[in-house]
N, C-alpha and C. Protein backbone atom coordinates (compact mmCIF):
# COMPACT_ATOMS: atom_id res chain seq x y z
N UNK A 1 -6.16 -9.56 -4.66
CA UNK A 1 -5.00 -9.79 -4.16
C UNK A 1 -3.91 -8.93 -4.99
N UNK A 2 -3.62 -8.17 -4.15
CA UNK A 2 -2.57 -7.34 -5.15
C UNK A 2 -0.99 -7.50 -4.95
N UNK A 3 -0.63 -7.50 -5.59
CA UNK A 3 1.20 -7.88 -5.30
C UNK A 3 1.92 -6.93 -6.16
N UNK A 4 3.12 -6.29 -5.70
CA UNK A 4 3.86 -5.86 -6.10
C UNK A 4 5.31 -6.22 -6.27
N UNK A 5 6.11 -6.71 -7.95
CA UNK A 5 7.45 -7.10 -7.58
C UNK A 5 8.37 -5.94 -8.14
N UNK A 6 9.09 -6.14 -6.83
CA UNK A 6 10.15 -4.72 -6.68
C UNK A 6 11.13 -5.20 -7.25
N UNK A 7 11.56 -6.60 -7.70
CA UNK A 7 12.77 -6.57 -8.88
C UNK A 7 12.62 -7.54 -10.23
N UNK A 8 12.57 -6.64 -11.37
CA UNK A 8 12.93 -7.32 -12.49
C UNK A 8 13.22 -8.74 -12.46
N UNK A 9 13.13 -9.76 -13.77
CA UNK A 9 13.00 -11.18 -13.11
C UNK A 9 14.07 -11.20 -14.87
N UNK A 10 14.87 -10.85 -15.14
CA UNK A 10 15.54 -10.71 -16.69
C UNK A 10 16.85 -11.65 -16.83
N UNK A 11 16.81 -12.34 -15.78
CA UNK A 11 18.04 -13.53 -16.07
C UNK A 11 17.43 -14.26 -14.86
N UNK A 12 18.32 -15.61 -14.93
CA UNK A 12 18.05 -17.06 -14.00
C UNK A 12 19.12 -16.51 -13.01
N UNK A 13 20.54 -15.33 -13.01
CA UNK A 13 21.12 -14.62 -12.23
C UNK A 13 20.49 -13.98 -11.48
N UNK A 14 19.68 -13.72 -11.55
CA UNK A 14 18.86 -12.43 -10.57
C UNK A 14 17.63 -12.78 -9.65
N UNK A 15 17.32 -13.97 -9.97
CA UNK A 15 16.10 -15.12 -9.29
C UNK A 15 16.17 -14.53 -7.58
N UNK A 16 17.34 -14.89 -7.53
CA UNK A 16 17.98 -14.92 -5.48
C UNK A 16 17.60 -13.27 -5.05
N UNK A 17 17.70 -12.11 -6.25
CA UNK A 17 17.40 -10.67 -5.51
C UNK A 17 16.09 -10.08 -5.75
N UNK A 18 15.25 -10.95 -6.77
CA UNK A 18 13.72 -10.61 -7.12
C UNK A 18 12.91 -11.31 -5.88
N UNK A 19 11.86 -10.09 -5.55
CA UNK A 19 10.92 -10.48 -4.50
C UNK A 19 9.63 -9.47 -5.04
N UNK A 20 8.39 -9.51 -4.05
CA UNK A 20 7.65 -9.28 -4.47
C UNK A 20 6.86 -9.11 -2.76
N UNK A 21 5.50 -7.89 -3.02
CA UNK A 21 5.15 -7.66 -1.79
C UNK A 21 3.55 -8.32 -2.35
N UNK A 22 2.81 -8.57 -0.84
CA UNK A 22 0.76 -8.69 -1.28
C UNK A 22 0.69 -8.61 0.04
N UNK A 23 -1.07 -8.15 -0.63
CA UNK A 23 -1.61 -8.01 0.11
C UNK A 23 -2.98 -8.66 -0.11
N UNK A 24 -3.79 -9.63 0.27
CA UNK A 24 -4.61 -10.20 0.46
C UNK A 24 -6.22 -9.95 1.42
N UNK A 25 -7.29 -9.86 0.55
CA UNK A 25 -8.33 -9.61 1.42
C UNK A 25 -9.42 -11.00 0.81
N UNK A 26 -10.01 -11.31 2.00
CA UNK A 26 -10.94 -12.07 1.68
C UNK A 26 -12.28 -11.91 2.63
N UNK A 27 -13.24 -11.64 2.23
CA UNK A 27 -15.06 -11.48 2.34
C UNK A 27 -15.30 -12.52 2.76
N UNK A 28 -15.64 -12.85 4.02
CA UNK A 28 -16.06 -14.40 4.20
C UNK A 28 -17.92 -14.19 4.81
N UNK A 29 -18.68 -14.53 4.44
CA UNK A 29 -19.84 -14.56 4.33
C UNK A 29 -20.49 -13.19 4.42
N UNK A 30 -19.74 -12.39 3.47
CA UNK A 30 -20.31 -11.15 3.75
C UNK A 30 -20.71 -10.16 4.66
N UNK A 31 -19.39 -10.64 5.84
CA UNK A 31 -19.71 -10.16 6.93
C UNK A 31 -18.04 -10.08 7.63
N UNK A 32 -17.30 -10.65 7.42
CA UNK A 32 -16.10 -10.78 8.14
C UNK A 32 -14.96 -10.80 7.34
N UNK A 33 -14.58 -9.38 7.27
CA UNK A 33 -13.11 -9.30 6.13
C UNK A 33 -11.75 -10.08 6.58
N UNK A 34 -11.10 -10.71 5.95
CA UNK A 34 -9.96 -11.01 6.95
C UNK A 34 -8.96 -10.56 5.16
N UNK A 35 -7.83 -10.48 6.31
CA UNK A 35 -6.95 -9.03 5.63
C UNK A 35 -5.65 -9.84 5.61
N UNK A 36 -4.63 -10.00 5.15
CA UNK A 36 -2.94 -10.67 5.48
C UNK A 36 -2.26 -9.42 4.26
N UNK A 37 -1.11 -9.17 4.98
CA UNK A 37 0.14 -8.78 4.25
C UNK A 37 1.17 -9.05 4.31
N UNK A 38 2.10 -8.40 3.57
CA UNK A 38 3.75 -8.69 3.47
C UNK A 38 4.34 -7.58 2.67
N UNK A 39 4.98 -6.86 3.39
CA UNK A 39 5.83 -5.87 2.67
C UNK A 39 5.31 -4.66 2.85
N UNK A 40 5.29 -3.34 1.98
CA UNK A 40 4.25 -2.23 2.52
C UNK A 40 3.06 -1.91 1.23
N UNK A 41 2.91 -3.15 0.71
CA UNK A 41 1.32 -2.23 -0.11
C UNK A 41 0.54 -2.75 1.04
N UNK A 42 -1.03 -1.64 0.98
CA UNK A 42 -1.69 -1.64 2.09
C UNK A 42 -3.41 -2.00 1.52
N UNK A 43 -3.88 -2.23 2.83
CA UNK A 43 -5.74 -2.55 2.44
C UNK A 43 -6.13 -1.30 3.75
N UNK A 44 -6.73 -0.69 2.41
CA UNK A 44 -7.73 0.51 3.43
C UNK A 44 -8.76 0.60 3.51
N UNK A 45 -9.83 0.73 3.98
CA UNK A 45 -11.32 0.39 4.50
C UNK A 45 -11.89 2.29 4.71
N UNK A 46 -12.57 2.11 3.84
CA UNK A 46 -13.57 3.32 4.28
C UNK A 46 -14.88 3.02 5.12
N UNK A 47 -14.77 3.75 6.16
CA UNK A 47 -15.88 3.33 6.79
C UNK A 47 -16.41 4.85 7.34
N UNK A 48 -17.91 5.18 7.45
CA UNK A 48 -18.42 6.67 7.45
C UNK A 48 -17.44 7.72 6.70
N UNK A 49 -17.09 7.29 6.32
CA UNK A 49 -16.13 8.67 5.33
C UNK A 49 -14.63 8.54 5.66
N UNK A 50 -14.52 7.74 6.81
CA UNK A 50 -13.00 8.00 7.47
C UNK A 50 -12.21 6.66 6.83
N UNK A 51 -10.92 7.09 6.69
CA UNK A 51 -9.68 5.90 6.48
C UNK A 51 -9.49 4.68 7.42
N UNK A 52 -9.61 3.95 7.78
CA UNK A 52 -9.07 2.62 8.28
C UNK A 52 -7.97 1.96 8.35
N UNK A 53 -7.14 2.10 8.14
CA UNK A 53 -5.93 0.87 7.61
C UNK A 53 -5.81 -0.17 8.30
N UNK A 54 -5.76 -1.12 7.42
CA UNK A 54 -5.82 -2.29 8.21
C UNK A 54 -4.82 -3.34 7.88
N UNK A 55 -3.52 -2.79 7.43
CA UNK A 55 -2.26 -3.24 7.41
C UNK A 55 -1.37 -2.49 8.05
N UNK A 56 0.01 -3.34 8.36
CA UNK A 56 0.81 -2.39 8.59
C UNK A 56 2.41 -2.40 8.07
N UNK A 57 2.60 -1.26 7.42
CA UNK A 57 3.89 -1.22 6.34
C UNK A 57 5.40 -1.78 7.02
N UNK A 58 5.51 -3.19 6.33
CA UNK A 58 6.48 -3.33 6.83
C UNK A 58 8.27 -2.65 6.40
N UNK A 59 8.11 -2.09 7.12
CA UNK A 59 9.70 -0.91 7.07
C UNK A 59 10.64 -1.47 8.05
N UNK A 60 11.68 -0.60 7.39
CA UNK A 60 12.67 -0.80 8.56
C UNK A 60 12.81 0.62 9.48
N UNK A 61 11.55 1.22 9.11
CA UNK A 61 11.75 2.61 10.78
C UNK A 61 10.86 2.37 11.47
N UNK A 62 10.13 0.58 10.98
CA UNK A 62 9.15 -0.04 12.37
C UNK A 62 10.41 -0.30 13.47
N UNK A 63 10.18 0.03 14.21
CA UNK A 63 11.47 -0.37 15.71
C UNK A 63 11.65 -1.52 15.39
N UNK A 64 10.04 -2.30 15.50
CA UNK A 64 10.31 -3.77 15.86
C UNK A 64 10.66 -4.93 14.79
N UNK A 65 10.43 -4.40 13.84
CA UNK A 65 10.82 -4.98 12.01
C UNK A 65 12.29 -4.65 12.24
N UNK A 66 13.03 -3.71 12.70
CA UNK A 66 13.97 -3.02 12.66
C UNK A 66 15.27 -3.95 13.43
N UNK A 67 14.73 -3.92 14.73
CA UNK A 67 14.59 -4.77 16.00
C UNK A 67 15.64 -6.39 15.17
N UNK A 68 14.25 -6.84 14.22
CA UNK A 68 14.45 -8.43 13.94
C UNK A 68 15.44 -8.30 13.14
N UNK A 69 16.01 -7.44 12.35
CA UNK A 69 16.72 -7.40 11.12
C UNK A 69 18.38 -7.02 11.54
N UNK A 70 18.52 -6.35 12.90
CA UNK A 70 19.51 -6.42 13.55
C UNK A 70 20.11 -7.60 14.29
N UNK A 71 18.85 -8.13 14.86
CA UNK A 71 18.83 -9.47 15.26
C UNK A 71 20.10 -10.41 14.90
N UNK A 72 18.62 -10.53 13.23
CA UNK A 72 19.38 -11.59 12.43
C UNK A 72 21.13 -11.54 11.53
N UNK A 73 21.79 -9.92 11.92
CA UNK A 73 22.95 -9.74 11.59
C UNK A 73 22.81 -8.91 10.48
N UNK A 74 21.89 -8.46 10.17
CA UNK A 74 21.40 -7.52 9.01
C UNK A 74 21.70 -5.78 9.47
N UNK A 75 22.00 -5.30 8.64
CA UNK A 75 22.10 -3.96 8.71
C UNK A 75 20.91 -2.77 8.67
N UNK A 76 20.80 -1.50 8.51
CA UNK A 76 19.99 -0.34 8.30
C UNK A 76 20.57 0.41 7.66
N UNK A 77 20.47 1.38 6.37
CA UNK A 77 21.07 2.08 6.08
C UNK A 77 19.37 3.62 5.54
N UNK A 78 19.99 4.88 5.47
CA UNK A 78 18.93 5.50 4.94
C UNK A 78 19.57 6.40 3.96
N UNK A 79 18.87 6.36 2.82
CA UNK A 79 19.68 6.92 1.32
C UNK A 79 19.57 8.39 1.38
N UNK A 80 19.89 9.02 0.27
CA UNK A 80 19.77 10.91 0.15
C UNK A 80 18.31 11.58 0.34
N UNK A 81 17.31 10.60 0.42
CA UNK A 81 15.82 10.82 0.82
C UNK A 81 15.34 10.73 2.01
N UNK A 82 16.13 10.00 2.40
CA UNK A 82 15.85 9.54 4.05
C UNK A 82 15.06 8.31 4.17
N UNK A 83 15.18 7.68 3.24
CA UNK A 83 14.41 6.01 3.38
C UNK A 83 15.52 5.28 3.81
N UNK A 84 14.79 4.37 4.60
CA UNK A 84 15.83 3.15 5.45
C UNK A 84 15.37 2.00 4.86
N UNK A 85 16.59 1.52 4.60
CA UNK A 85 16.66 0.06 3.64
C UNK A 85 17.85 -0.76 4.39
N UNK A 86 17.39 -2.19 4.10
CA UNK A 86 17.91 -2.97 4.53
C UNK A 86 18.75 -3.92 3.79
N UNK A 87 20.17 -3.83 4.81
CA UNK A 87 21.60 -3.97 3.93
C UNK A 87 21.65 -2.76 2.84
N UNK A 88 21.45 -1.71 2.93
CA UNK A 88 21.51 -0.77 1.69
C UNK A 88 20.82 -1.21 0.39
N UNK A 89 19.40 -2.16 0.72
CA UNK A 89 19.25 -2.59 -0.89
C UNK A 89 17.60 -2.52 -0.71
N UNK A 90 16.98 -2.94 0.06
CA UNK A 90 15.57 -3.37 0.55
C UNK A 90 14.70 -2.62 1.32
N UNK A 91 13.84 -1.69 0.90
CA UNK A 91 12.98 -0.62 1.77
C UNK A 91 12.42 -1.42 2.46
N UNK A 92 11.41 -2.50 2.53
CA UNK A 92 11.20 -3.54 3.40
C UNK A 92 11.37 -4.48 4.04
N UNK A 93 10.93 -5.10 5.57
CA UNK A 93 11.39 -5.56 5.94
C UNK A 93 10.65 -6.97 5.72
N UNK A 94 9.77 -6.82 4.93
CA UNK A 94 9.08 -8.50 4.75
C UNK A 94 8.61 -8.34 3.40
N UNK A 95 9.20 -9.71 2.87
CA UNK A 95 8.92 -10.18 1.47
C UNK A 95 8.50 -11.56 0.70
N UNK A 96 7.88 -11.48 -0.10
CA UNK A 96 8.26 -12.89 -1.15
C UNK A 96 9.00 -12.86 -1.64
N UNK A 97 10.25 -13.58 -1.91
CA UNK A 97 11.04 -13.31 -2.34
C UNK A 97 12.72 -12.76 -1.85
N UNK A 98 13.52 -12.04 -2.42
CA UNK A 98 14.89 -11.64 -1.96
C UNK A 98 15.05 -12.55 -1.22
N UNK A 99 15.31 -13.68 -1.23
CA UNK A 99 16.52 -14.90 -0.67
C UNK A 99 17.62 -14.55 -0.35
N UNK A 100 18.44 -13.85 -0.61
CA UNK A 100 19.67 -13.17 -0.59
C UNK A 100 19.72 -12.32 0.86
N UNK A 101 18.31 -11.99 1.42
CA UNK A 101 18.29 -11.04 1.97
C UNK A 101 17.78 -11.58 3.55
N UNK A 102 17.41 -13.36 3.30
CA UNK A 102 16.61 -14.40 4.23
C UNK A 102 17.38 -13.96 5.47
N UNK A 103 19.01 -14.32 5.27
CA UNK A 103 19.70 -14.50 6.70
C UNK A 103 19.83 -12.82 7.15
N UNK A 104 19.67 -12.10 6.71
CA UNK A 104 19.91 -10.72 7.51
C UNK A 104 18.84 -10.15 8.20
N UNK A 105 17.36 -11.34 8.03
CA UNK A 105 16.22 -10.85 9.24
C UNK A 105 14.76 -10.65 7.90
N UNK A 106 14.78 -10.68 6.41
CA UNK A 106 13.67 -10.31 6.20
C UNK A 106 12.82 -11.75 5.86
N UNK A 107 11.58 -11.44 6.28
CA UNK A 107 10.53 -12.46 6.48
C UNK A 107 9.79 -12.72 5.16
N UNK A 108 9.04 -13.99 5.11
CA UNK A 108 7.68 -13.34 4.14
C UNK A 108 6.90 -13.94 5.30
N UNK A 109 6.41 -14.01 6.40
CA UNK A 109 5.13 -14.19 7.25
C UNK A 109 4.65 -12.94 7.20
N UNK A 110 3.28 -13.04 6.85
CA UNK A 110 1.89 -12.10 6.87
C UNK A 110 1.57 -11.01 8.09
N UNK A 111 1.19 -10.65 8.40
CA UNK A 111 0.48 -9.86 9.15
C UNK A 111 -1.09 -10.41 9.00
N UNK A 112 -1.70 -10.89 9.60
CA UNK A 112 -3.65 -11.15 9.50
C UNK A 112 -4.40 -10.00 9.88
N UNK A 113 -5.38 -10.39 10.36
CA UNK A 113 -6.22 -8.81 10.97
C UNK A 113 -7.65 -9.70 10.36
N UNK A 114 -8.57 -9.58 11.18
CA UNK A 114 -10.10 -9.87 10.94
C UNK A 114 -11.16 -8.72 11.16
N UNK A 115 -11.74 -8.54 10.86
CA UNK A 115 -12.51 -7.16 10.93
C UNK A 115 -14.25 -7.07 10.63
N UNK A 116 -14.99 -7.31 11.40
CA UNK A 116 -16.05 -7.27 10.68
C UNK A 116 -16.50 -6.20 9.68
N UNK A 117 -17.18 -6.40 9.02
CA UNK A 117 -18.02 -5.01 7.56
C UNK A 117 -18.99 -4.55 8.12
N UNK A 118 -19.02 -3.57 8.47
CA UNK A 118 -20.03 -2.99 8.43
C UNK A 118 -20.40 -1.34 8.17
N UNK A 119 -21.22 -0.67 7.22
CA UNK A 119 -21.19 0.40 7.17
C UNK A 119 -20.47 0.98 6.66
N UNK A 120 -19.77 0.03 5.35
CA UNK A 120 -18.40 0.65 5.11
C UNK A 120 -18.63 0.76 3.67
N UNK A 121 -18.01 1.46 2.98
CA UNK A 121 -17.76 1.97 1.10
C UNK A 121 -17.65 1.53 0.46
N UNK A 122 -15.82 0.96 1.09
CA UNK A 122 -15.02 0.27 -0.11
C UNK A 122 -13.97 -0.39 0.35
N UNK A 123 -13.49 -0.73 -0.05
CA UNK A 123 -12.13 -1.52 0.17
C UNK A 123 -10.77 -0.98 -0.71
N UNK A 124 -10.01 -0.23 -0.66
CA UNK A 124 -8.97 -0.20 -1.41
C UNK A 124 -7.50 -0.64 -1.01
N UNK A 125 -7.19 -1.58 -2.29
CA UNK A 125 -5.61 -1.97 -2.32
C UNK A 125 -4.60 -1.70 -2.90
N UNK A 126 -3.57 -0.36 -2.02
CA UNK A 126 -2.66 0.09 -3.02
C UNK A 126 -1.75 0.06 -2.86
N UNK A 127 -0.73 0.02 -3.63
CA UNK A 127 1.00 -0.01 -3.87
C UNK A 127 1.50 0.63 -3.09
N UNK A 128 2.66 0.94 -2.84
CA UNK A 128 3.82 2.13 -2.22
C UNK A 128 3.42 3.19 -3.34
N UNK A 129 3.61 2.89 -4.55
CA UNK A 129 3.37 4.28 -5.33
C UNK A 129 2.21 4.60 -5.39
N UNK A 130 1.36 4.68 -4.97
CA UNK A 130 0.04 5.55 -4.07
C UNK A 130 0.52 5.54 -2.70
N UNK A 131 0.92 5.05 -2.09
CA UNK A 131 0.79 5.46 -0.68
C UNK A 131 1.93 6.19 -0.21
N UNK A 132 2.83 6.40 -0.95
CA UNK A 132 3.82 7.85 -1.03
C UNK A 132 3.20 9.30 -1.04
N UNK A 133 2.39 9.14 -2.08
CA UNK A 133 1.79 10.09 -2.53
C UNK A 133 0.76 10.70 -1.99
N UNK A 134 0.00 9.77 -1.83
CA UNK A 134 -1.60 10.45 -1.02
C UNK A 134 -1.57 9.62 -0.10
N UNK A 135 -1.98 10.45 1.24
CA UNK A 135 -2.74 9.92 2.50
C UNK A 135 -3.87 8.53 2.40
N UNK A 136 -3.85 8.11 3.44
CA UNK A 136 -5.07 6.66 3.84
C UNK A 136 -6.47 8.09 3.27
N UNK A 137 -6.58 8.88 3.84
CA UNK A 137 -7.53 9.81 3.75
C UNK A 137 -7.94 10.20 2.76
N UNK A 138 -6.75 10.71 1.99
CA UNK A 138 -6.84 11.21 0.73
C UNK A 138 -7.34 10.27 -0.25
N UNK A 139 -6.95 9.10 -0.11
CA UNK A 139 -7.09 8.32 -1.13
C UNK A 139 -9.00 8.10 -0.89
N UNK A 140 -9.48 7.55 0.09
CA UNK A 140 -10.78 7.87 0.90
C UNK A 140 -11.58 8.84 0.01
N UNK A 141 -10.98 9.96 0.30
CA UNK A 141 -11.87 11.33 -0.12
C UNK A 141 -12.55 10.95 -1.36
N UNK A 142 -11.14 10.94 -2.36
CA UNK A 142 -11.07 10.93 -3.70
C UNK A 142 -12.03 9.66 -4.24
N UNK A 143 -12.02 9.20 -3.97
CA UNK A 143 -12.78 7.38 -4.67
C UNK A 143 -14.36 7.96 -3.95
N UNK A 144 -14.40 8.31 -2.68
CA UNK A 144 -15.73 8.76 -1.96
C UNK A 144 -16.97 9.81 -3.41
N UNK A 145 -15.90 10.84 -4.27
CA UNK A 145 -15.90 11.52 -5.30
C UNK A 145 -16.62 10.59 -6.80
N UNK A 146 -15.65 9.36 -6.97
CA UNK A 146 -16.45 9.00 -7.51
C UNK A 146 -17.49 8.05 -8.16
N UNK A 147 -18.07 7.56 -9.25
CA UNK A 147 -19.13 6.89 -9.62
C UNK A 147 -19.09 5.23 -9.56
N UNK A 148 -18.13 4.78 -10.24
CA UNK A 148 -17.91 3.53 -9.70
C UNK A 148 -16.93 3.18 -9.49
N UNK A 149 -15.76 1.49 -9.26
CA UNK A 149 -14.82 1.15 -8.82
C UNK A 149 -13.90 1.70 -10.01
N UNK A 150 -13.98 1.43 -10.64
CA UNK A 150 -13.09 1.40 -12.36
C UNK A 150 -12.97 2.84 -12.26
N UNK A 151 -13.56 3.92 -12.49
CA UNK A 151 -13.38 5.14 -12.20
C UNK A 151 -12.54 5.46 -11.08
N UNK A 152 -12.70 4.92 -10.35
CA UNK A 152 -11.94 5.38 -8.77
C UNK A 152 -10.54 5.16 -8.95
N UNK A 153 -10.47 3.89 -9.39
CA UNK A 153 -8.79 3.59 -9.07
C UNK A 153 -7.93 4.28 -10.49
N UNK A 154 -8.91 4.68 -11.50
CA UNK A 154 -8.24 5.12 -12.76
C UNK A 154 -7.77 6.70 -12.16
N UNK A 155 -9.10 7.61 -11.53
CA UNK A 155 -8.49 8.85 -10.73
C UNK A 155 -7.61 8.52 -9.74
N UNK A 156 -7.20 7.33 -8.74
CA UNK A 156 -6.19 7.27 -8.11
C UNK A 156 -4.80 7.39 -8.60
N UNK A 157 -4.78 6.72 -9.56
CA UNK A 157 -3.45 6.24 -10.15
C UNK A 157 -3.02 7.47 -10.92
N UNK A 158 -4.28 8.37 -11.73
CA UNK A 158 -3.69 9.33 -12.22
C UNK A 158 -3.27 10.44 -11.63
N UNK A 159 -3.76 10.32 -10.35
CA UNK A 159 -3.56 11.71 -9.44
C UNK A 159 -2.16 11.25 -8.62
N UNK A 160 -1.80 10.39 -8.49
CA UNK A 160 -0.15 9.78 -8.20
C UNK A 160 0.53 9.89 -9.08
N UNK A 161 0.54 10.11 -10.56
CA UNK A 161 1.50 10.38 -11.04
C UNK A 161 1.91 11.77 -11.34
N UNK A 162 0.90 12.86 -10.98
CA UNK A 162 -0.08 13.82 -11.13
C UNK A 162 1.09 13.90 -10.25
N UNK A 163 1.47 13.79 -8.68
CA UNK A 163 1.93 13.93 -7.90
C UNK A 163 3.40 13.74 -8.07
N UNK A 164 3.85 12.80 -8.66
CA UNK A 164 4.90 12.70 -8.91
C UNK A 164 5.61 11.37 -8.54
N UNK A 165 4.56 10.50 -8.68
CA UNK A 165 4.73 9.14 -8.60
C UNK A 165 5.74 7.94 -9.49
N UNK A 166 6.86 7.79 -8.91
CA UNK A 166 8.03 7.09 -10.56
C UNK A 166 7.99 5.38 -9.99
N UNK A 167 7.36 5.41 -8.62
CA UNK A 167 7.15 3.68 -8.68
C UNK A 167 6.09 3.44 -9.09
N UNK A 168 5.58 1.40 -8.63
CA UNK A 168 4.39 1.05 -9.46
C UNK A 168 2.98 2.09 -8.32
N UNK A 169 2.21 2.23 -9.12
CA UNK A 169 1.09 3.22 -8.56
C UNK A 169 -0.36 2.07 -8.79
N UNK A 170 -0.37 1.10 -8.36
CA UNK A 170 -1.65 0.19 -8.65
C UNK A 170 -2.54 0.17 -7.62
N UNK A 171 -3.70 -0.16 -7.84
CA UNK A 171 -4.91 -0.10 -6.85
C UNK A 171 -6.07 -0.66 -7.39
N UNK A 172 -6.75 -1.20 -6.12
CA UNK A 172 -7.99 -2.13 -6.34
C UNK A 172 -8.88 -1.24 -5.28
N UNK A 173 -10.17 -1.77 -6.43
CA UNK A 173 -11.38 -0.76 -5.07
C UNK A 173 -12.52 -1.35 -5.52
N UNK A 174 -12.59 -1.95 -4.37
CA UNK A 174 -13.48 -3.15 -3.88
C UNK A 174 -15.30 -2.35 -3.27
N UNK A 175 -16.07 -2.28 -4.08
CA UNK A 175 -17.38 -1.53 -2.88
C UNK A 175 -17.89 -2.58 -2.54
N UNK A 176 -18.10 -2.10 -1.14
CA UNK A 176 -19.23 -2.83 -0.34
C UNK A 176 -20.39 -1.94 -0.03
N UNK A 177 -21.25 -2.50 1.14
CA UNK A 177 -22.72 -1.83 1.13
C UNK A 177 -22.92 -0.54 1.24
N UNK A 178 -21.78 -0.06 1.92
CA UNK A 178 -22.71 1.43 1.89
C UNK A 178 -22.44 2.58 0.80
N UNK A 179 -21.67 1.73 -0.31
CA UNK A 179 -20.95 2.32 -1.51
C UNK A 179 -22.01 3.89 -1.94
N UNK A 180 -21.41 4.73 -2.33
CA UNK A 180 -22.42 5.47 -3.07
C UNK A 180 -23.30 6.39 -2.10
N UNK A 181 -23.49 5.69 -0.90
CA UNK A 181 -24.25 6.48 0.66
C UNK A 181 -23.48 7.52 1.33
N UNK A 182 -22.01 7.34 1.78
CA UNK A 182 -21.16 8.79 2.30
C UNK A 182 -20.41 9.46 1.36
N UNK A 183 -20.60 10.37 1.75
CA UNK A 183 -19.85 11.73 0.84
C UNK A 183 -18.87 12.32 1.29
N UNK A 184 -17.97 12.51 0.85
CA UNK A 184 -16.66 13.17 1.16
C UNK A 184 -16.47 14.04 2.26
N UNK A 185 -15.74 14.44 2.69
CA UNK A 185 -15.10 15.94 3.84
C UNK A 185 -14.27 16.68 2.58
N UNK A 186 -13.95 16.73 1.99
CA UNK A 186 -13.94 17.50 0.61
C UNK A 186 -14.79 18.02 -0.48
N UNK A 187 -14.07 19.31 -1.04
CA UNK A 187 -14.82 19.60 -2.33
C UNK A 187 -15.07 18.24 -3.59
N UNK A 188 -15.71 18.47 -4.46
CA UNK A 188 -16.17 17.37 -5.61
C UNK A 188 -14.74 17.84 -6.02
N UNK A 189 -14.23 16.53 -6.35
CA UNK A 189 -12.80 16.09 -6.97
C UNK A 189 -12.48 17.15 -8.48
N UNK A 190 -12.24 17.59 -8.98
CA UNK A 190 -12.05 17.51 -9.91
C UNK A 190 -9.50 17.65 -10.67
N UNK A 191 -9.81 17.87 -12.03
CA UNK A 191 -8.46 17.26 -12.36
C UNK A 191 -7.79 18.57 -12.38
N UNK A 192 -8.12 19.55 -12.65
CA UNK A 192 -7.47 20.95 -12.77
C UNK A 192 -7.47 21.04 -11.32
N UNK A 193 -7.98 20.92 -9.75
CA UNK A 193 -7.67 21.38 -8.90
C UNK A 193 -6.42 20.74 -8.49
N UNK A 194 -6.56 19.36 -8.72
CA UNK A 194 -5.38 18.60 -8.22
C UNK A 194 -3.99 18.66 -8.91
N UNK A 195 -3.98 19.55 -10.13
CA UNK A 195 -3.20 19.51 -11.21
C UNK A 195 -2.05 20.74 -10.59
N UNK A 196 -2.90 21.64 -10.13
CA UNK A 196 -2.75 22.51 -9.17
C UNK A 196 -1.71 22.25 -8.23
N UNK A 197 -2.65 21.51 -7.17
CA UNK A 197 -2.20 21.51 -5.85
C UNK A 197 -1.00 20.34 -5.92
N UNK A 198 -0.88 19.31 -6.83
CA UNK A 198 0.14 18.61 -7.08
C UNK A 198 1.89 19.01 -7.22
N UNK A 199 1.80 20.32 -7.02
CA UNK A 199 3.07 21.06 -6.96
C UNK A 199 3.10 21.00 -5.32
N UNK A 200 2.62 20.87 -4.57
CA UNK A 200 3.04 20.42 -2.84
C UNK A 200 4.21 19.58 -2.80
N UNK A 201 4.48 18.82 -3.65
CA UNK A 201 5.48 17.93 -3.73
C UNK A 201 7.14 18.64 -4.62
N UNK A 202 6.97 19.76 -5.40
CA UNK A 202 7.88 20.43 -5.60
C UNK A 202 9.16 20.54 -4.91
C-alpha cells in the first residue's frame, strides 16, 4: 500500500484540512492482481516492456470527476501553472480525509480493478512527485535497467528529484514473475545522461 499525506497535522485545528491519497495492491493466489486507489497516486504494471496503468488519477481535469464537484456545489479553479484545484485548495477530487471539502464533492470511494497477472515484470506504486516528472513508460524503462527493486526505487526517486520534483516522490517496486527477463526499449540507464536530459523541465 502506498499513501501520500498532502497536508501535515501540526495542531488539532488542522485536522479537518488533512488528507491523504492511497493506492493498494493485493496479489491473490499468485495470479490475480487487485488494485484500489483514491487520489492521484498510481499503480503501473510493466508487461512485456510496456507500461500498463491500473489506476485513474482522481483530479478535476477528469470530466466526470469535475461534474461531481459541480453537482455537489463545489467549484474548480486553475492556478498559475495550469493545475486544477477543488475550491482553489485541493488538486484531487478523491481523498481520505479533507473533511472540509466533503460537502463540495470530494469523496473517499476508491476505484478498483482486477487483472490476471501474466508475463509481468513488476508493479510500481508511485506518488504524484514522480508521476508529474516521469511518464509511466519512462518509469517502466528505467526500472527495467535496474538489478533489483531497491535499486530501482532509489533510481526513480533520484531521477524525479533531478527533474525538479518538489512534491512527495515515493515509489514501491514489486518484482513479479518476468522480472529480469524483459529488456527496455531505451539505452542503458546512466546518471550522467539523465542529469543532462533533466533540462527538459527548465
